[in-house]
C-alpha atoms as a PDB file:
ATOM      1  CA  MET A   1       4.846  -3.421  16.045  1.00  0.00           C
ATOM      2  CA  ILE A   2       4.942  -7.208  16.355  1.00  0.00           C
ATOM      3  CA  ARG A   3       7.943  -8.866  17.959  1.00  0.00           C
ATOM      4  CA  GLN A   4       9.016 -12.484  17.772  1.00  0.00           C
ATOM      5  CA  LYS A   5       9.950 -13.881  21.183  1.00  0.00           C
ATOM      6  CA  LYS A   6      12.072 -16.896  21.991  1.00  0.00           C
ATOM      7  CA  GLY A   7      10.155 -20.075  21.398  1.00  0.00           C
ATOM      8  CA  GLY A   8       8.402 -18.616  18.349  1.00  0.00           C
ATOM      9  CA  LYS A   9       5.660 -16.790  20.254  1.00  0.00           C
ATOM     10  CA  ILE A  10       4.452 -13.527  18.760  1.00  0.00           C
ATOM     11  CA  MET A  11       3.854 -10.486  20.975  1.00  0.00           C
ATOM     12  CA  LEU A  12       2.128  -7.218  20.071  1.00  0.00           C
ATOM     13  CA  THR A  13       4.011  -4.123  21.247  1.00  0.00           C
ATOM     14  CA  CYS A  14       2.573  -0.618  20.756  1.00  0.00           C
ATOM     15  CA  ILE A  15       3.450   2.899  21.867  1.00  0.00           C
ATOM     16  CA  TYR A  16       0.642   5.295  22.780  1.00  0.00           C
ATOM     17  CA  VAL A  17       0.386   8.904  23.967  1.00  0.00           C
ATOM     18  CA  VAL A  18      -2.238   9.820  26.560  1.00  0.00           C
ATOM     19  CA  GLU A  19      -4.320  12.419  24.735  1.00  0.00           C
ATOM     20  CA  LYS A  20      -7.043  13.033  27.315  1.00  0.00           C
ATOM     21  CA  ILE A  21      -8.068  11.792  30.752  1.00  0.00           C
ATOM     22  CA  ASP A  22     -11.812  11.870  31.343  1.00  0.00           C
ATOM     23  CA  GLY A  23     -12.936  10.404  34.665  1.00  0.00           C
ATOM     24  CA  ASP A  24     -12.467   6.631  34.658  1.00  0.00           C
ATOM     25  CA  TYR A  25     -11.238   6.552  31.052  1.00  0.00           C
ATOM     26  CA  ALA A  26      -8.267   7.795  29.050  1.00  0.00           C
ATOM     27  CA  GLU A  27      -7.999   8.400  25.323  1.00  0.00           C
ATOM     28  CA  LEU A  28      -4.803   7.012  23.814  1.00  0.00           C
ATOM     29  CA  ARG A  29      -3.316   7.744  20.380  1.00  0.00           C
ATOM     30  CA  ARG A  30      -0.970   5.205  18.821  1.00  0.00           C
ATOM     31  CA  VAL A  31       2.275   6.809  17.656  1.00  0.00           C
ATOM     32  CA  ASP A  32       4.388   3.885  16.467  1.00  0.00           C
ATOM     33  CA  ALA A  33       2.416   2.670  13.433  1.00  0.00           C
ATOM     34  CA  LEU A  34       2.975   4.225  10.029  1.00  0.00           C
ATOM     35  CA  LYS A  35      -0.262   2.879   8.553  1.00  0.00           C
ATOM     36  CA  HIS A  36      -2.381   3.930  11.531  1.00  0.00           C
ATOM     37  CA  ASP A  37      -4.656   6.961  11.302  1.00  0.00           C
ATOM     38  CA  PRO A  38      -2.863   9.606  13.425  1.00  0.00           C
ATOM     39  CA  GLU A  39      -6.206  11.116  14.474  1.00  0.00           C
ATOM     40  CA  GLU A  40      -7.699   7.818  15.683  1.00  0.00           C
ATOM     41  CA  THR A  41      -7.840   7.377  19.460  1.00  0.00           C
ATOM     42  CA  LYS A  42      -8.522   4.380  21.667  1.00  0.00           C
ATOM     43  CA  THR A  43     -10.538   4.663  24.884  1.00  0.00           C
ATOM     44  CA  VAL A  44      -9.125   2.592  27.758  1.00  0.00           C
ATOM     45  CA  ALA A  45     -10.360   2.197  31.335  1.00  0.00           C
ATOM     46  CA  ARG A  46      -7.935   3.889  33.746  1.00  0.00           C
ATOM     47  CA  ALA A  47      -7.985   0.769  35.919  1.00  0.00           C
ATOM     48  CA  LEU A  48      -5.883  -0.893  33.188  1.00  0.00           C
ATOM     49  CA  LEU A  49      -3.333   1.943  33.088  1.00  0.00           C
ATOM     50  CA  PRO A  50      -0.589   2.977  35.533  1.00  0.00           C
ATOM     51  CA  GLY A  51      -2.067   4.994  38.411  1.00  0.00           C
ATOM     52  CA  ASP A  52       0.216   8.003  37.916  1.00  0.00           C
ATOM     53  CA  ILE A  53      -0.472   8.723  34.224  1.00  0.00           C
ATOM     54  CA  MET A  54      -0.949  12.287  33.023  1.00  0.00           C
ATOM     55  CA  GLU A  55      -1.950  13.752  29.690  1.00  0.00           C
ATOM     56  CA  GLY A  56       1.058  13.701  27.376  1.00  0.00           C
ATOM     57  CA  ASN A  57       2.676  10.587  28.902  1.00  0.00           C
ATOM     58  CA  LYS A  58       3.959   7.919  26.527  1.00  0.00           C
ATOM     59  CA  LEU A  59       2.850   4.373  27.281  1.00  0.00           C
ATOM     60  CA  LEU A  60       4.276   1.070  26.121  1.00  0.00           C
ATOM     61  CA  TYR A  61       1.734  -1.722  25.658  1.00  0.00           C
ATOM     62  CA  GLU A  62       3.422  -5.102  25.998  1.00  0.00           C
ATOM     63  CA  ASN A  63       2.391  -8.450  27.513  1.00  0.00           C
ATOM     64  CA  LEU A  64      -1.194  -7.152  27.925  1.00  0.00           C
ATOM     65  CA  GLN A  65       0.068  -4.361  30.225  1.00  0.00           C
ATOM     66  CA  TYR A  66       0.686  -0.630  29.877  1.00  0.00           C
ATOM     67  CA  ARG A  67       3.709   1.121  31.403  1.00  0.00           C
ATOM     68  CA  ILE A  68       4.993   4.683  31.240  1.00  0.00           C
ATOM     69  CA  ILE A  69       8.109   5.213  29.135  1.00  0.00           C
ATOM     70  CA  ALA A  70      10.413   8.224  28.813  1.00  0.00           C
ATOM     71  CA  ASP A  71      10.092  10.553  25.816  1.00  0.00           C
END
């Protein structure tokens, strides 16, 4: 999802589900895009994610940051 902010700046906003945590990395699956392949996952370093994530958590990616959101 792409949002238009005040001042005309464009910001990418995505919602992911934590599919798997494997050591220093987590596999995320995007759930907000209709055209996205539902089986495709993205591997992200856990240092970039909230420290208290667990498998099954939903994450909001906004302003180059991830945060946990409620279901």
